Amino acid sequence: MSAITTEAIRTDRLLLLPLRVDHAEEMAAVLSDPDLHTFIGGSPAGVDALRSRYRRMLAGSPDPAVSWCNWVILLQERECLTGTVQATIAPAADGLVAEIAWVVGTSWQRRGIASEAARGLVAWLGGKPVRSVIAHIHPDHEASAAVATAAGLTPTDQWQDGEIRWRLDLER
């Protein structure tokens, strides 16, 4: 099985650009609000820490059967980065499964950016040999639940690390 390679994804207002190390400076500012980490954990990372993290992410998974796909979200009309989306694509019993996540900077929230980016990502995954899409969402994170719903995922009765597993089975 060959790895799935990250490529640019265009939506109406957004361009999801494959992550690069040089995105770290702008992304450190986008992700700098401590409140942004309420549900995702951790604390804001500085530029050097993000550069190091992005290098590790771009090196890829140590498992050749797993693809790490990471994008920054560019709001085209403003020509600025607003957040990230990611997909970890791995083999499962019924085919490839993509675990997705998103984060949009606090100052860019409530504009539909996360929903549009997640829908674009799910549509892109639909063009790949992916059988299902999974997201893990904290039960109190209503905004992420709304993004998952907009992208076509529905909550399951499964939990992982205190989060609800959401799922979308793609037509094949």
Protein backbone atom coordinates (compact mmCIF):
# COMPACT_ATOMS: atom_id res chain seq x y z
CA MET A 1 0.00 0.00 0.00
CA SER A 2 1.44 3.38 -0.98
CA ALA A 3 1.36 6.43 1.22
CA ILE A 4 -1.20 9.12 0.62
CA THR A 5 0.52 12.41 -0.17
CA THR A 6 -0.72 15.76 1.07
CA GLU A 7 -1.73 18.15 -1.70
CA ALA A 8 -3.40 21.55 -1.80
CA ILE A 9 -7.18 21.57 -1.32
CA ARG A 10 -9.30 24.50 -2.53
CA THR A 11 -12.73 25.41 -1.14
CA ASP A 12 -14.84 28.51 -1.78
CA ARG A 13 -12.90 30.81 0.58
CA LEU A 14 -9.97 28.70 1.68
CA LEU A 15 -6.84 27.10 0.40
CA LEU A 16 -5.57 24.22 2.52
CA LEU A 17 -1.83 24.30 1.94
CA PRO A 18 0.45 21.38 2.74
CA LEU A 19 2.27 22.18 5.96
CA ARG A 20 5.81 23.59 5.71
CA VAL A 21 8.31 24.39 8.46
CA ASP A 22 8.28 28.05 7.44
CA HIS A 23 4.59 28.27 8.41
CA ALA A 24 5.68 28.14 12.08
CA GLU A 25 6.16 31.89 12.56
CA GLU A 26 2.68 32.88 11.37
CA MET A 27 1.04 29.85 13.02
CA ALA A 28 2.63 30.62 16.40
CA ALA A 29 0.68 33.90 16.38
CA VAL A 30 -2.53 32.24 15.13
CA LEU A 31 -2.40 29.60 17.88
CA SER A 32 -1.15 31.87 20.69
CA ASP A 33 -4.38 32.21 22.71
CA PRO A 34 -4.21 29.96 25.82
CA ASP A 35 -8.03 29.56 25.69
CA LEU A 36 -7.61 27.76 22.38
CA HIS A 37 -6.05 24.87 24.29
CA THR A 38 -8.97 24.34 26.70
CA PHE A 39 -10.16 21.20 24.94
CA ILE A 40 -7.07 20.17 22.98
CA GLY A 41 -4.69 20.40 25.92
CA GLY A 42 -1.23 21.81 26.20
CA SER A 43 -0.33 25.45 25.87
CA PRO A 44 0.63 27.76 23.01
CA ALA A 45 3.91 26.83 21.36
CA GLY A 46 6.50 29.38 20.37
CA VAL A 47 8.01 29.65 16.91
CA ASP A 48 10.99 27.37 17.65
CA ALA A 49 8.80 24.69 19.23
CA LEU A 50 6.43 24.79 16.23
CA ARG A 51 9.33 24.54 13.79
CA SER A 52 10.57 21.47 15.63
CA ARG A 53 7.06 19.96 15.74
CA TYR A 54 6.49 20.68 12.04
CA ARG A 55 9.82 19.03 11.13
CA ARG A 56 8.77 15.88 13.00
CA MET A 57 5.34 15.91 11.36
CA LEU A 58 6.84 16.38 7.90
CA ALA A 59 9.27 13.51 8.46
CA GLY A 60 6.19 11.31 8.48
CA SER A 61 5.08 8.34 10.46
CA PRO A 62 7.68 5.73 11.37
CA ASP A 63 5.09 3.19 10.16
CA PRO A 64 5.17 3.19 6.33
CA ALA A 65 1.52 2.06 6.24
CA VAL A 66 0.44 5.28 8.01
CA SER A 67 0.24 8.66 6.26
CA TRP A 68 0.45 11.91 8.19
CA CYS A 69 -1.26 14.63 6.17
CA ASN A 70 -1.12 18.17 7.56
CA TRP A 71 -2.30 21.48 6.18
CA VAL A 72 -2.47 25.12 7.19
CA ILE A 73 -5.68 26.98 6.41
CA LEU A 74 -5.21 30.05 4.23
CA LEU A 75 -8.11 32.50 4.10
CA GLN A 76 -7.70 33.58 0.48
CA GLU A 77 -9.39 37.00 0.68
CA ARG A 78 -7.10 38.09 3.52
CA GLU A 79 -4.03 36.09 2.40
CA CYS A 80 -3.37 34.94 5.95
CA LEU A 81 -3.21 31.68 7.85
CA THR A 82 -6.08 30.97 10.23
CA GLY A 83 -5.53 27.42 11.52
CA THR A 84 -4.72 23.83 10.63
CA VAL A 85 -6.37 20.58 9.61
CA GLN A 86 -4.84 17.13 9.67
CA ALA A 87 -5.54 13.55 8.78
CA THR A 88 -3.74 10.46 9.99
CA ILE A 89 -4.56 7.72 7.52
CA ALA A 90 -3.96 4.14 8.59
CA PRO A 91 -5.07 0.64 7.62
CA ALA A 92 -7.88 -0.95 9.63
CA ALA A 93 -9.81 -4.20 9.33
CA ASP A 94 -12.25 -2.71 6.80
CA GLY A 95 -9.79 -0.56 4.82
CA LEU A 96 -8.11 2.81 5.32
CA VAL A 97 -9.38 5.01 8.14
CA ALA A 98 -8.59 8.72 8.41
CA GLU A 99 -8.55 10.32 11.85
CA ILE A 100 -9.02 14.03 11.34
CA ALA A 101 -8.65 17.12 13.50
CA TRP A 102 -8.85 20.87 13.07
CA VAL A 103 -7.98 24.00 14.99
CA VAL A 104 -8.74 27.59 14.05
CA GLY A 105 -7.20 30.55 15.84
CA THR A 106 -9.47 32.33 18.30
CA SER A 107 -9.64 35.56 16.29
CA TRP A 108 -10.83 33.59 13.23
CA GLN A 109 -13.53 31.54 14.93
CA ARG A 110 -17.27 31.90 14.32
CA ARG A 111 -16.73 32.59 10.62
CA GLY A 112 -17.32 29.06 9.31
CA ILE A 113 -13.64 28.54 8.55
CA ALA A 114 -13.28 25.29 10.50
CA SER A 115 -16.46 23.84 8.98
CA GLU A 116 -15.44 24.78 5.46
CA ALA A 117 -11.93 23.38 5.98
CA ALA A 118 -13.26 20.12 7.47
CA ARG A 119 -15.75 19.71 4.61
CA GLY A 120 -12.93 20.29 2.11
CA LEU A 121 -10.73 17.75 3.87
CA VAL A 122 -13.50 15.13 3.97
CA ALA A 123 -14.25 15.70 0.28
CA TRP A 124 -10.54 15.26 -0.52
CA LEU A 125 -10.44 12.05 1.54
CA GLY A 126 -13.47 10.85 -0.44
CA GLY A 127 -11.29 10.90 -3.54
CA LYS A 128 -8.72 8.64 -1.86
CA PRO A 129 -9.09 4.95 -0.94
CA VAL A 130 -10.33 5.90 2.54
CA ARG A 131 -13.29 3.90 3.91
CA SER A 132 -14.14 5.97 6.97
CA VAL A 133 -13.35 9.26 8.68
CA ILE A 134 -13.05 9.56 12.46
CA ALA A 135 -12.79 12.56 14.79
CA HIS A 136 -12.50 12.59 18.58
CA ILE A 137 -14.35 15.47 20.25
CA HIS A 138 -14.63 16.48 23.89
CA PRO A 139 -18.30 16.16 24.95
CA ASP A 140 -18.39 19.83 26.05
CA HIS A 141 -16.82 21.21 22.87
CA GLU A 142 -19.97 22.34 21.07
CA ALA A 143 -18.09 24.24 18.35
CA SER A 144 -16.11 21.15 17.30
CA ALA A 145 -19.28 19.05 17.39
CA ALA A 146 -20.85 21.58 14.99
CA VAL A 147 -17.80 21.34 12.69
CA ALA A 148 -17.96 17.54 12.70
CA THR A 149 -21.68 17.65 11.92
CA ALA A 150 -21.08 20.09 9.05
CA ALA A 151 -18.48 17.69 7.64
CA GLY A 152 -20.96 14.79 7.73
CA LEU A 153 -19.70 12.96 10.81
CA THR A 154 -22.06 11.69 13.49
CA PRO A 155 -21.34 10.81 17.11
CA THR A 156 -20.99 7.16 18.06
CA ASP A 157 -21.34 5.53 21.46
CA GLN A 158 -17.57 4.97 21.57
CA TRP A 159 -15.24 6.98 23.79
CA GLN A 160 -11.47 7.43 23.71
CA ASP A 161 -9.50 9.37 26.31
CA GLY A 162 -12.60 11.23 27.49
CA GLU A 163 -13.70 12.19 24.00
CA ILE A 164 -16.59 10.99 21.86
CA ARG A 165 -15.71 9.22 18.64
CA TRP A 166 -17.47 10.70 15.61
CA ARG A 167 -17.57 8.77 12.34
CA LEU A 168 -18.44 9.02 8.68
CA ASP A 169 -18.38 5.99 6.42
CA LEU A 170 -17.51 7.01 2.85
CA GLU A 171 -19.36 5.52 -0.10
CA ARG A 172 -17.28 3.00 -2.05
